[in-house]
C-alpha cells in the first residue's frame, strides 16, 4: 500500500544542470508524480526546487534528481524535509 502522508522537500542539485532542460524535465516528472511546488536556476549554477505531495511521490522525485534528464550531469544533491504547507496549486518553473 502506498503511503499517503504529505511530505515537502527543498532540493539543491549540483553539476551540469543548467542549459540542459533540467527545469523543464523536473516539472514534467513532478507533474507525472502529482507533486506541487517549483524549480529554478540559481546564480551559482545549481538548480533549486521545492516539491510537496505524497511522501512516496516526493521520494521518487528525489531519486530522479540523483540522475536528472539526458545531457545533465548530477554531481551532488542536497535535500532537507520541511513542514508541508499546501500553498502551491501546481508545479512551476520560476525564472
N, C-alpha and C. Protein backbone atom coordinates (compact mmCIF):
# COMPACT_ATOMS: atom_id res chain seq x y z
N UNK A 1 0.84 -1.18 0.00
CA UNK A 1 0.00 0.00 0.00
C UNK A 1 0.89 1.26 0.00
N UNK A 2 0.52 2.21 -0.83
CA UNK A 2 1.31 3.44 -0.91
C UNK A 2 0.99 4.37 0.24
N UNK A 3 2.01 5.03 0.70
CA UNK A 3 1.88 5.95 1.83
C UNK A 3 1.24 7.26 1.37
N UNK A 4 0.24 7.73 2.12
CA UNK A 4 -0.44 8.98 1.75
C UNK A 4 0.04 10.18 2.55
N UNK A 5 0.96 9.98 3.48
CA UNK A 5 1.48 11.09 4.28
C UNK A 5 2.05 12.15 3.36
N UNK A 6 1.76 13.41 3.66
CA UNK A 6 2.29 14.52 2.86
C UNK A 6 3.72 14.83 3.27
N UNK A 7 4.53 15.17 2.28
CA UNK A 7 5.94 15.46 2.52
C UNK A 7 6.33 16.66 1.65
N UNK A 8 7.24 17.46 2.17
CA UNK A 8 7.77 18.61 1.42
C UNK A 8 9.28 18.60 1.58
N UNK A 9 9.98 18.80 0.46
CA UNK A 9 11.44 18.88 0.50
C UNK A 9 11.93 20.08 -0.29
N UNK A 10 13.07 20.59 0.16
CA UNK A 10 13.82 21.59 -0.57
C UNK A 10 15.06 20.85 -1.08
N UNK A 11 15.30 20.91 -2.40
CA UNK A 11 16.39 20.17 -3.02
C UNK A 11 17.30 21.14 -3.75
N UNK A 12 18.60 20.96 -3.59
CA UNK A 12 19.61 21.69 -4.34
C UNK A 12 20.40 20.67 -5.15
N UNK A 13 20.50 20.91 -6.46
CA UNK A 13 21.18 19.98 -7.36
C UNK A 13 22.40 20.66 -7.95
N UNK A 14 23.54 20.00 -7.81
CA UNK A 14 24.84 20.48 -8.31
C UNK A 14 25.28 19.68 -9.52
N UNK A 15 25.99 20.31 -10.44
CA UNK A 15 26.54 19.61 -11.59
C UNK A 15 26.27 20.41 -12.85
N UNK A 16 26.19 19.71 -13.98
CA UNK A 16 25.81 20.37 -15.23
C UNK A 16 24.29 20.28 -15.31
N UNK A 17 23.63 21.25 -14.69
CA UNK A 17 22.18 21.19 -14.55
C UNK A 17 21.48 22.44 -15.10
N UNK A 18 22.25 23.34 -15.68
CA UNK A 18 21.65 24.50 -16.34
C UNK A 18 21.98 24.42 -17.82
N UNK A 19 21.00 24.79 -18.66
CA UNK A 19 21.19 24.72 -20.10
C UNK A 19 21.02 23.33 -20.67
N UNK A 20 20.45 22.42 -19.88
CA UNK A 20 20.24 21.03 -20.33
C UNK A 20 18.79 20.59 -20.10
N UNK A 21 17.89 21.57 -20.01
CA UNK A 21 16.46 21.32 -19.81
C UNK A 21 16.14 20.62 -18.50
N UNK A 22 16.99 20.85 -17.49
CA UNK A 22 16.76 20.23 -16.19
C UNK A 22 15.44 20.70 -15.58
N UNK A 23 15.18 22.02 -15.65
CA UNK A 23 13.94 22.55 -15.05
C UNK A 23 12.71 22.00 -15.74
N UNK A 24 12.69 22.01 -17.08
CA UNK A 24 11.52 21.52 -17.82
C UNK A 24 11.28 20.04 -17.54
N UNK A 25 12.35 19.26 -17.49
CA UNK A 25 12.20 17.83 -17.21
C UNK A 25 11.78 17.58 -15.76
N UNK A 26 12.27 18.40 -14.84
CA UNK A 26 11.85 18.27 -13.44
C UNK A 26 10.36 18.56 -13.32
N UNK A 27 9.91 19.61 -14.00
CA UNK A 27 8.48 19.95 -13.97
C UNK A 27 7.65 18.79 -14.53
N UNK A 28 8.07 18.21 -15.64
CA UNK A 28 7.33 17.10 -16.23
C UNK A 28 7.29 15.90 -15.29
N UNK A 29 8.42 15.60 -14.65
CA UNK A 29 8.47 14.47 -13.72
C UNK A 29 7.60 14.75 -12.49
N UNK A 30 7.67 15.96 -11.96
CA UNK A 30 6.85 16.32 -10.80
C UNK A 30 5.37 16.24 -11.13
N UNK A 31 4.99 16.72 -12.31
CA UNK A 31 3.58 16.66 -12.72
C UNK A 31 3.14 15.20 -12.88
N UNK A 32 4.02 14.37 -13.45
CA UNK A 32 3.70 12.95 -13.62
C UNK A 32 3.43 12.30 -12.27
N UNK A 33 4.17 12.74 -11.26
CA UNK A 33 4.03 12.19 -9.91
C UNK A 33 2.93 12.87 -9.10
N UNK A 34 2.32 13.92 -9.64
CA UNK A 34 1.25 14.62 -8.94
C UNK A 34 1.74 15.57 -7.85
N UNK A 35 2.98 16.07 -8.01
CA UNK A 35 3.56 16.95 -7.00
C UNK A 35 3.30 18.41 -7.32
N UNK A 36 3.40 19.23 -6.32
CA UNK A 36 3.25 20.67 -6.47
C UNK A 36 4.51 21.34 -5.93
N UNK A 37 4.80 22.56 -6.43
CA UNK A 37 5.98 23.28 -5.99
C UNK A 37 6.58 24.08 -7.12
N UNK A 38 7.91 24.17 -7.13
CA UNK A 38 8.60 24.95 -8.16
C UNK A 38 10.04 24.50 -8.32
N UNK A 39 10.63 24.92 -9.44
CA UNK A 39 12.05 24.68 -9.73
C UNK A 39 12.62 25.93 -10.36
N UNK A 40 13.88 26.27 -10.01
CA UNK A 40 14.51 27.45 -10.60
C UNK A 40 16.02 27.27 -10.66
N UNK A 41 16.65 28.01 -11.58
CA UNK A 41 18.10 28.08 -11.64
C UNK A 41 18.60 29.05 -10.59
N UNK A 42 19.75 28.77 -10.02
CA UNK A 42 20.41 29.69 -9.09
C UNK A 42 21.61 30.33 -9.78
N UNK A 43 21.98 31.54 -9.36
CA UNK A 43 23.11 32.23 -9.98
C UNK A 43 24.43 31.46 -9.91
N UNK A 44 24.57 30.57 -8.93
CA UNK A 44 25.84 29.83 -8.78
C UNK A 44 25.90 28.57 -9.63
N UNK A 45 24.90 28.35 -10.49
CA UNK A 45 24.91 27.20 -11.39
C UNK A 45 24.12 26.00 -10.91
N UNK A 46 23.63 26.06 -9.69
CA UNK A 46 22.81 24.96 -9.18
C UNK A 46 21.35 25.16 -9.58
N UNK A 47 20.55 24.12 -9.37
CA UNK A 47 19.11 24.19 -9.51
C UNK A 47 18.51 23.94 -8.14
N UNK A 48 17.50 24.73 -7.79
CA UNK A 48 16.79 24.56 -6.52
C UNK A 48 15.35 24.21 -6.82
N UNK A 49 14.77 23.35 -5.98
CA UNK A 49 13.36 23.06 -6.13
C UNK A 49 12.72 22.77 -4.79
N UNK A 50 11.43 23.05 -4.76
CA UNK A 50 10.56 22.69 -3.64
C UNK A 50 9.53 21.74 -4.22
N UNK A 51 9.35 20.60 -3.59
CA UNK A 51 8.34 19.64 -4.04
C UNK A 51 7.51 19.21 -2.84
N UNK A 52 6.21 19.16 -3.05
CA UNK A 52 5.29 18.79 -1.98
C UNK A 52 4.22 17.87 -2.53
N UNK A 53 3.89 16.85 -1.74
CA UNK A 53 2.85 15.90 -2.13
C UNK A 53 2.99 14.63 -1.31
N UNK A 54 2.39 13.54 -1.80
CA UNK A 54 2.50 12.27 -1.07
C UNK A 54 3.97 11.87 -0.90
N UNK A 55 4.29 11.36 0.27
CA UNK A 55 5.69 11.02 0.59
C UNK A 55 6.31 10.10 -0.45
N UNK A 56 5.58 9.09 -0.93
CA UNK A 56 6.13 8.16 -1.91
C UNK A 56 6.52 8.90 -3.19
N UNK A 57 5.71 9.89 -3.61
CA UNK A 57 5.98 10.62 -4.84
C UNK A 57 7.17 11.57 -4.67
N UNK A 58 7.26 12.22 -3.51
CA UNK A 58 8.41 13.08 -3.23
C UNK A 58 9.69 12.25 -3.24
N UNK A 59 9.65 11.08 -2.65
CA UNK A 59 10.82 10.19 -2.64
C UNK A 59 11.22 9.78 -4.06
N UNK A 60 10.23 9.53 -4.92
CA UNK A 60 10.51 9.20 -6.32
C UNK A 60 11.22 10.36 -7.02
N UNK A 61 10.77 11.60 -6.76
CA UNK A 61 11.39 12.76 -7.38
C UNK A 61 12.83 12.94 -6.87
N UNK A 62 13.06 12.70 -5.58
CA UNK A 62 14.42 12.77 -5.04
C UNK A 62 15.31 11.77 -5.79
N UNK A 63 14.84 10.56 -5.97
CA UNK A 63 15.60 9.54 -6.69
C UNK A 63 15.88 9.99 -8.12
N UNK A 64 14.87 10.58 -8.78
CA UNK A 64 15.03 11.05 -10.15
C UNK A 64 16.09 12.16 -10.21
N UNK A 65 16.11 13.04 -9.23
CA UNK A 65 17.07 14.15 -9.20
C UNK A 65 18.52 13.68 -9.11
N UNK A 66 18.74 12.52 -8.54
CA UNK A 66 20.10 11.98 -8.47
C UNK A 66 20.67 11.72 -9.85
N UNK A 67 19.80 11.43 -10.81
CA UNK A 67 20.23 11.13 -12.18
C UNK A 67 19.98 12.32 -13.11
N UNK A 68 18.78 12.90 -13.02
CA UNK A 68 18.42 14.02 -13.88
C UNK A 68 18.11 13.56 -15.29
N UNK A 69 17.80 14.52 -16.18
CA UNK A 69 17.46 14.18 -17.56
C UNK A 69 18.72 13.91 -18.40
N UNK A 70 18.50 13.44 -19.61
CA UNK A 70 19.61 13.25 -20.55
C UNK A 70 20.35 14.57 -20.70
N UNK A 71 21.63 14.50 -20.92
CA UNK A 71 22.53 15.64 -21.12
C UNK A 71 22.91 16.36 -19.83
N UNK A 72 22.25 16.05 -18.73
CA UNK A 72 22.67 16.65 -17.46
C UNK A 72 23.72 15.76 -16.83
N UNK A 73 24.44 16.32 -15.87
CA UNK A 73 25.38 15.53 -15.07
C UNK A 73 25.18 15.99 -13.63
N UNK A 74 24.61 15.13 -12.84
CA UNK A 74 24.36 15.47 -11.44
C UNK A 74 25.56 15.01 -10.63
N UNK A 75 26.24 15.98 -10.00
CA UNK A 75 27.39 15.65 -9.16
C UNK A 75 26.97 15.40 -7.72
N UNK A 76 25.96 16.11 -7.28
CA UNK A 76 25.54 16.02 -5.88
C UNK A 76 24.16 16.62 -5.72
N UNK A 77 23.37 16.06 -4.82
CA UNK A 77 22.14 16.73 -4.43
C UNK A 77 22.10 16.82 -2.91
N UNK A 78 21.55 17.90 -2.43
CA UNK A 78 21.31 18.08 -1.00
C UNK A 78 19.82 18.31 -0.85
N UNK A 79 19.24 17.72 0.17
CA UNK A 79 17.81 18.00 0.40
C UNK A 79 17.52 17.94 1.88
N UNK A 80 16.51 18.69 2.26
CA UNK A 80 16.03 18.60 3.63
C UNK A 80 14.52 18.71 3.62
N UNK A 81 13.94 18.01 4.55
CA UNK A 81 12.50 17.98 4.68
C UNK A 81 12.02 19.23 5.40
N UNK A 82 10.87 19.73 4.96
CA UNK A 82 10.23 20.88 5.59
C UNK A 82 8.80 20.50 5.93
N UNK A 83 8.13 21.33 6.67
CA UNK A 83 6.73 21.08 7.00
C UNK A 83 5.87 21.37 5.77
N UNK A 84 5.04 20.40 5.34
CA UNK A 84 4.15 20.66 4.20
C UNK A 84 3.24 21.86 4.49
N UNK A 85 3.09 22.71 3.48
CA UNK A 85 2.29 23.92 3.66
C UNK A 85 1.07 23.99 2.77
N UNK A 86 1.04 23.19 1.70
CA UNK A 86 -0.11 23.17 0.82
C UNK A 86 -0.39 24.50 0.13
N UNK A 87 0.67 25.26 -0.15
CA UNK A 87 0.45 26.60 -0.70
C UNK A 87 0.53 26.66 -2.22
N UNK A 88 0.89 25.57 -2.91
CA UNK A 88 1.04 25.59 -4.36
C UNK A 88 -0.12 24.86 -5.04
N UNK A 89 -0.54 25.39 -6.19
CA UNK A 89 -1.62 24.78 -6.97
C UNK A 89 -1.10 23.86 -8.05
N UNK A 90 0.18 24.03 -8.40
CA UNK A 90 0.78 23.24 -9.48
C UNK A 90 2.28 23.21 -9.27
N UNK A 91 2.99 22.60 -10.23
CA UNK A 91 4.44 22.64 -10.19
C UNK A 91 4.89 23.56 -11.31
N UNK A 92 5.68 24.59 -10.96
CA UNK A 92 6.04 25.65 -11.90
C UNK A 92 7.55 25.78 -12.06
N UNK A 93 7.93 26.32 -13.21
CA UNK A 93 9.31 26.74 -13.43
C UNK A 93 9.36 28.22 -13.12
N UNK A 94 10.23 28.61 -12.19
CA UNK A 94 10.40 30.02 -11.85
C UNK A 94 11.59 30.57 -12.62
N UNK A 95 11.45 31.82 -13.06
CA UNK A 95 12.53 32.46 -13.85
C UNK A 95 13.11 33.63 -13.10
